N, C-alpha and C. Protein backbone atom coordinates (compact mmCIF):
# COMPACT_ATOMS: atom_id res chain seq x y z
N GLN A 1 -9.06 49.84 40.75
CA GLN A 1 -7.86 50.38 40.11
C GLN A 1 -6.68 49.45 40.38
N VAL A 2 -6.08 48.98 39.30
CA VAL A 2 -4.94 48.07 39.43
C VAL A 2 -3.72 48.85 39.92
N GLN A 3 -3.08 48.32 40.96
CA GLN A 3 -1.83 48.91 41.45
C GLN A 3 -0.81 47.82 41.68
N LEU A 4 0.41 48.09 41.24
CA LEU A 4 1.55 47.20 41.45
C LEU A 4 2.67 48.05 42.03
N VAL A 5 3.15 47.67 43.21
CA VAL A 5 4.17 48.46 43.89
C VAL A 5 5.37 47.56 44.19
N GLU A 6 6.46 47.83 43.47
CA GLU A 6 7.69 47.06 43.66
C GLU A 6 8.55 47.68 44.75
N SER A 7 9.34 46.83 45.41
CA SER A 7 10.29 47.30 46.42
C SER A 7 11.41 46.29 46.53
N GLY A 8 12.48 46.70 47.21
CA GLY A 8 13.58 45.78 47.48
C GLY A 8 14.83 46.02 46.66
N GLY A 9 14.77 46.92 45.69
CA GLY A 9 15.95 47.20 44.91
C GLY A 9 17.03 47.87 45.75
N ALA A 10 18.28 47.68 45.34
CA ALA A 10 19.41 48.23 46.10
C ALA A 10 20.66 48.17 45.24
N VAL A 11 21.74 48.69 45.80
CA VAL A 11 23.07 48.56 45.20
C VAL A 11 23.77 47.40 45.91
N VAL A 12 24.24 46.43 45.14
CA VAL A 12 24.91 45.27 45.71
C VAL A 12 26.17 44.97 44.92
N GLN A 13 27.06 44.24 45.54
CA GLN A 13 28.27 43.81 44.86
C GLN A 13 28.01 42.53 44.07
N PRO A 14 28.81 42.27 43.06
CA PRO A 14 28.67 40.99 42.33
C PRO A 14 28.75 39.82 43.28
N GLY A 15 27.88 38.84 43.03
CA GLY A 15 27.79 37.68 43.92
C GLY A 15 26.78 37.85 45.03
N GLY A 16 26.26 39.04 45.19
CA GLY A 16 25.31 39.31 46.26
C GLY A 16 23.91 38.83 45.92
N SER A 17 23.00 39.05 46.86
CA SER A 17 21.61 38.62 46.72
C SER A 17 20.66 39.75 47.06
N LEU A 18 19.49 39.69 46.46
CA LEU A 18 18.41 40.61 46.77
C LEU A 18 17.09 39.88 46.64
N ARG A 19 16.10 40.37 47.37
CA ARG A 19 14.74 39.86 47.23
C ARG A 19 13.83 41.03 46.89
N LEU A 20 13.25 40.97 45.72
CA LEU A 20 12.30 42.00 45.30
C LEU A 20 10.88 41.55 45.65
N SER A 21 10.05 42.52 45.96
CA SER A 21 8.64 42.26 46.24
C SER A 21 7.77 43.14 45.36
N CYS A 22 6.59 42.64 45.05
CA CYS A 22 5.61 43.42 44.30
C CYS A 22 4.25 43.20 44.96
N ALA A 23 3.75 44.26 45.57
CA ALA A 23 2.44 44.21 46.22
C ALA A 23 1.37 44.63 45.23
N ALA A 24 0.36 43.78 45.06
CA ALA A 24 -0.68 44.02 44.06
C ALA A 24 -2.00 44.34 44.73
N SER A 25 -2.80 45.14 44.06
CA SER A 25 -4.14 45.45 44.54
C SER A 25 -5.02 45.85 43.36
N GLY A 26 -6.32 45.81 43.58
CA GLY A 26 -7.26 46.26 42.55
C GLY A 26 -7.72 45.17 41.61
N PHE A 27 -7.28 43.94 41.84
CA PHE A 27 -7.74 42.81 41.03
C PHE A 27 -7.61 41.54 41.87
N ILE A 28 -8.20 40.46 41.38
CA ILE A 28 -8.17 39.19 42.11
C ILE A 28 -6.83 38.52 41.83
N PHE A 29 -5.87 38.83 42.67
CA PHE A 29 -4.46 38.46 42.46
C PHE A 29 -4.28 36.98 42.16
N ARG A 30 -4.95 36.13 42.93
CA ARG A 30 -4.67 34.70 42.85
C ARG A 30 -5.05 34.10 41.50
N THR A 31 -5.82 34.81 40.70
CA THR A 31 -6.30 34.27 39.43
C THR A 31 -5.49 34.71 38.22
N TYR A 32 -4.41 35.47 38.45
CA TYR A 32 -3.65 36.00 37.33
C TYR A 32 -2.18 35.60 37.37
N THR A 33 -1.66 35.32 36.18
CA THR A 33 -0.23 35.12 36.02
C THR A 33 0.51 36.43 36.29
N MET A 34 1.61 36.33 37.01
CA MET A 34 2.42 37.51 37.32
C MET A 34 3.81 37.36 36.69
N THR A 35 4.36 38.47 36.26
CA THR A 35 5.62 38.45 35.54
C THR A 35 6.54 39.55 36.06
N TRP A 36 7.82 39.24 36.13
CA TRP A 36 8.87 40.24 36.40
C TRP A 36 9.57 40.54 35.07
N TYR A 37 9.78 41.83 34.83
CA TYR A 37 10.57 42.32 33.70
C TYR A 37 11.71 43.15 34.26
N ARG A 38 12.69 43.41 33.42
CA ARG A 38 13.73 44.36 33.78
C ARG A 38 14.12 45.15 32.53
N GLN A 39 14.67 46.33 32.80
CA GLN A 39 15.11 47.19 31.71
C GLN A 39 16.42 47.84 32.11
N ALA A 40 17.46 47.52 31.35
CA ALA A 40 18.77 48.13 31.55
C ALA A 40 18.81 49.45 30.76
N PRO A 41 19.73 50.34 31.15
CA PRO A 41 19.84 51.62 30.43
C PRO A 41 20.04 51.40 28.93
N ASP A 42 19.28 52.11 28.13
CA ASP A 42 19.39 52.09 26.67
C ASP A 42 19.06 50.72 26.08
N GLN A 43 18.34 49.89 26.83
CA GLN A 43 17.94 48.58 26.31
C GLN A 43 16.43 48.41 26.43
N GLU A 44 15.90 47.46 25.68
CA GLU A 44 14.48 47.19 25.75
C GLU A 44 14.16 46.40 27.02
N ARG A 45 12.92 46.53 27.43
CA ARG A 45 12.46 45.78 28.58
C ARG A 45 12.45 44.29 28.22
N GLU A 46 12.93 43.44 29.14
CA GLU A 46 12.98 42.00 28.86
C GLU A 46 12.30 41.23 29.98
N LEU A 47 11.69 40.11 29.60
CA LEU A 47 11.05 39.24 30.59
C LEU A 47 12.12 38.52 31.40
N VAL A 48 11.93 38.50 32.71
CA VAL A 48 12.87 37.84 33.61
C VAL A 48 12.28 36.51 34.10
N ALA A 49 11.06 36.56 34.59
CA ALA A 49 10.43 35.35 35.13
C ALA A 49 8.93 35.55 35.19
N THR A 50 8.21 34.44 35.07
CA THR A 50 6.76 34.50 35.13
C THR A 50 6.25 33.31 35.93
N ILE A 51 5.16 33.51 36.65
CA ILE A 51 4.57 32.46 37.46
C ILE A 51 3.07 32.45 37.22
N ALA A 52 2.55 31.27 36.92
CA ALA A 52 1.12 31.14 36.64
C ALA A 52 0.29 31.34 37.89
N ALA A 53 -1.02 31.46 37.67
CA ALA A 53 -1.93 31.75 38.77
C ALA A 53 -2.02 30.59 39.75
N VAL A 54 -2.00 29.37 39.22
CA VAL A 54 -2.17 28.21 40.06
C VAL A 54 -0.81 27.74 40.54
N VAL A 55 -0.62 27.60 41.84
CA VAL A 55 0.63 27.14 42.42
C VAL A 55 0.44 25.75 43.00
N PRO A 56 1.33 24.76 42.73
CA PRO A 56 2.45 24.91 41.82
C PRO A 56 2.00 24.95 40.37
N GLY A 57 2.40 26.00 39.72
CA GLY A 57 1.99 26.18 38.34
C GLY A 57 3.19 26.40 37.47
N GLN A 58 2.92 26.77 36.26
CA GLN A 58 4.00 26.95 35.30
C GLN A 58 4.86 28.15 35.69
N ILE A 59 6.15 27.93 35.72
CA ILE A 59 7.12 28.97 36.00
C ILE A 59 8.14 28.97 34.87
N ARG A 60 8.45 30.14 34.36
CA ARG A 60 9.45 30.26 33.30
C ARG A 60 10.45 31.34 33.66
N TYR A 61 11.68 31.13 33.21
CA TYR A 61 12.76 32.09 33.45
C TYR A 61 13.47 32.41 32.15
N ALA A 62 13.98 33.62 32.08
CA ALA A 62 14.91 33.94 31.00
C ALA A 62 16.16 33.09 31.18
N ASN A 63 16.77 32.70 30.07
CA ASN A 63 17.97 31.85 30.16
C ASN A 63 19.06 32.51 30.98
N SER A 64 19.13 33.82 30.93
CA SER A 64 20.20 34.54 31.61
C SER A 64 20.09 34.49 33.14
N VAL A 65 18.93 34.11 33.67
CA VAL A 65 18.77 34.10 35.13
C VAL A 65 18.48 32.71 35.68
N LYS A 66 18.34 31.72 34.82
CA LYS A 66 18.04 30.37 35.29
C LYS A 66 19.11 29.88 36.26
N GLY A 67 18.65 29.30 37.36
CA GLY A 67 19.57 28.79 38.37
C GLY A 67 20.02 29.84 39.37
N ARG A 68 19.71 31.11 39.10
CA ARG A 68 20.12 32.18 40.03
C ARG A 68 18.92 32.92 40.63
N PHE A 69 17.84 33.04 39.87
CA PHE A 69 16.65 33.77 40.32
C PHE A 69 15.53 32.76 40.59
N THR A 70 14.68 33.11 41.56
CA THR A 70 13.51 32.30 41.87
C THR A 70 12.30 33.22 42.03
N ILE A 71 11.27 32.94 41.26
CA ILE A 71 10.02 33.69 41.39
C ILE A 71 9.06 32.89 42.26
N SER A 72 8.31 33.59 43.09
CA SER A 72 7.32 32.93 43.93
C SER A 72 6.18 33.91 44.20
N ARG A 73 5.10 33.38 44.74
CA ARG A 73 3.97 34.25 45.04
C ARG A 73 3.32 33.82 46.34
N ASP A 74 2.72 34.80 47.01
CA ASP A 74 1.95 34.55 48.22
C ASP A 74 0.57 35.12 47.98
N ASN A 75 -0.36 34.24 47.62
CA ASN A 75 -1.70 34.72 47.26
C ASN A 75 -2.44 35.31 48.46
N ALA A 76 -2.08 34.90 49.66
CA ALA A 76 -2.72 35.46 50.86
C ALA A 76 -2.30 36.92 51.07
N ARG A 77 -1.10 37.25 50.62
CA ARG A 77 -0.57 38.61 50.78
C ARG A 77 -0.65 39.43 49.49
N ASN A 78 -1.19 38.83 48.41
CA ASN A 78 -1.26 39.52 47.11
C ASN A 78 0.11 40.05 46.69
N THR A 79 1.12 39.20 46.85
CA THR A 79 2.49 39.63 46.60
C THR A 79 3.23 38.59 45.78
N VAL A 80 4.03 39.08 44.84
CA VAL A 80 4.92 38.23 44.07
C VAL A 80 6.35 38.66 44.39
N TYR A 81 7.24 37.68 44.45
CA TYR A 81 8.62 37.91 44.86
C TYR A 81 9.59 37.49 43.75
N LEU A 82 10.76 38.07 43.80
CA LEU A 82 11.85 37.63 42.94
C LEU A 82 13.10 37.56 43.80
N GLN A 83 13.50 36.34 44.13
CA GLN A 83 14.73 36.12 44.88
C GLN A 83 15.88 36.03 43.89
N MET A 84 16.86 36.89 44.05
CA MET A 84 17.97 36.96 43.10
C MET A 84 19.26 36.64 43.85
N THR A 85 20.01 35.68 43.37
CA THR A 85 21.28 35.31 43.98
C THR A 85 22.39 35.37 42.93
N ASN A 86 23.63 35.35 43.42
CA ASN A 86 24.79 35.40 42.52
C ASN A 86 24.63 36.50 41.47
N LEU A 87 24.30 37.69 41.93
CA LEU A 87 24.03 38.79 41.03
C LEU A 87 25.28 39.19 40.25
N LYS A 88 25.06 39.59 39.01
CA LYS A 88 26.12 39.98 38.10
C LYS A 88 25.88 41.42 37.64
N PRO A 89 26.93 42.10 37.20
CA PRO A 89 26.74 43.48 36.72
C PRO A 89 25.68 43.58 35.63
N GLU A 90 25.57 42.56 34.80
CA GLU A 90 24.57 42.60 33.72
C GLU A 90 23.14 42.45 34.22
N ASP A 91 22.96 42.19 35.51
CA ASP A 91 21.61 42.17 36.10
C ASP A 91 21.13 43.58 36.47
N THR A 92 22.00 44.55 36.32
CA THR A 92 21.64 45.93 36.65
C THR A 92 20.48 46.42 35.78
N GLY A 93 19.53 47.09 36.41
CA GLY A 93 18.41 47.64 35.68
C GLY A 93 17.26 47.96 36.60
N VAL A 94 16.19 48.46 36.01
CA VAL A 94 14.95 48.68 36.75
C VAL A 94 14.08 47.45 36.57
N TYR A 95 13.62 46.92 37.68
CA TYR A 95 12.80 45.71 37.68
C TYR A 95 11.34 46.08 37.91
N PHE A 96 10.49 45.54 37.05
CA PHE A 96 9.07 45.84 37.09
C PHE A 96 8.28 44.54 37.25
N CYS A 97 7.20 44.59 38.01
CA CYS A 97 6.26 43.48 37.94
C CYS A 97 5.10 43.89 37.04
N SER A 98 4.43 42.87 36.52
CA SER A 98 3.43 43.13 35.50
C SER A 98 2.33 42.09 35.56
N VAL A 99 1.15 42.51 35.13
CA VAL A 99 0.01 41.61 35.01
C VAL A 99 -0.78 42.00 33.77
N ILE A 100 -1.29 40.99 33.09
CA ILE A 100 -2.19 41.24 31.97
C ILE A 100 -3.61 41.00 32.44
N ILE A 101 -4.39 42.06 32.38
CA ILE A 101 -5.83 41.96 32.64
C ILE A 101 -6.48 42.49 31.38
N PRO A 102 -6.91 41.57 30.52
CA PRO A 102 -7.37 41.99 29.19
C PRO A 102 -8.37 43.14 29.24
N PRO A 103 -8.18 44.11 28.35
CA PRO A 103 -7.24 44.13 27.22
C PRO A 103 -5.91 44.82 27.52
N SER A 104 -5.62 45.06 28.79
CA SER A 104 -4.44 45.88 29.12
C SER A 104 -3.37 45.07 29.84
N ARG A 105 -2.13 45.54 29.69
CA ARG A 105 -1.00 45.06 30.52
C ARG A 105 -0.64 46.19 31.46
N PHE A 106 -0.46 45.85 32.72
CA PHE A 106 -0.13 46.84 33.75
C PHE A 106 1.28 46.60 34.27
N PHE A 107 1.98 47.69 34.53
CA PHE A 107 3.31 47.65 35.15
C PHE A 107 3.30 48.52 36.39
N GLY A 108 4.18 48.16 37.34
CA GLY A 108 4.43 49.04 38.46
C GLY A 108 5.42 50.11 38.08
N GLN A 109 5.86 50.88 39.07
CA GLN A 109 6.78 51.98 38.80
C GLN A 109 8.22 51.50 38.71
N GLY A 110 8.48 50.29 39.19
CA GLY A 110 9.82 49.71 39.11
C GLY A 110 10.65 49.95 40.34
N THR A 111 11.67 49.12 40.49
CA THR A 111 12.64 49.27 41.57
C THR A 111 14.03 49.04 40.98
N GLN A 112 14.98 49.90 41.36
CA GLN A 112 16.31 49.89 40.75
C GLN A 112 17.22 48.88 41.43
N VAL A 113 17.85 48.06 40.60
CA VAL A 113 18.88 47.13 41.08
C VAL A 113 20.18 47.50 40.38
N THR A 114 21.21 47.74 41.18
CA THR A 114 22.52 48.08 40.64
C THR A 114 23.54 47.12 41.21
N VAL A 115 24.29 46.47 40.31
CA VAL A 115 25.29 45.49 40.72
C VAL A 115 26.65 45.98 40.24
N PHE A 116 27.51 46.38 41.17
CA PHE A 116 28.86 46.78 40.77
C PHE A 116 29.79 46.73 41.98
N SER A 117 31.05 46.61 41.67
CA SER A 117 32.06 46.48 42.73
C SER A 117 32.32 47.83 43.36
């Protein structure tokens, strides 16, 4: 059974930093690309960052987070991370990690990030 458990969300001030974690189980973690998404209130879920299975592998970021967010993975711990710096109010939302194991895409329950003064 695939499980993705996110943690690390919090309320922070603009300019602050957070590190999100996603603990995975139920599949061979090291062989799958992992992705972080976020969803702001009344908006569609958007891709934030993705990291390929092979490290160093292909990493992609949404333009809105380039230079501020860093995605990484620890295959020994079956965990993917999202280091977020210089946070802005528009980064507020629920952050989800995700994996595609054909034919399905799986999401965790999400962790809330709120950025405001």
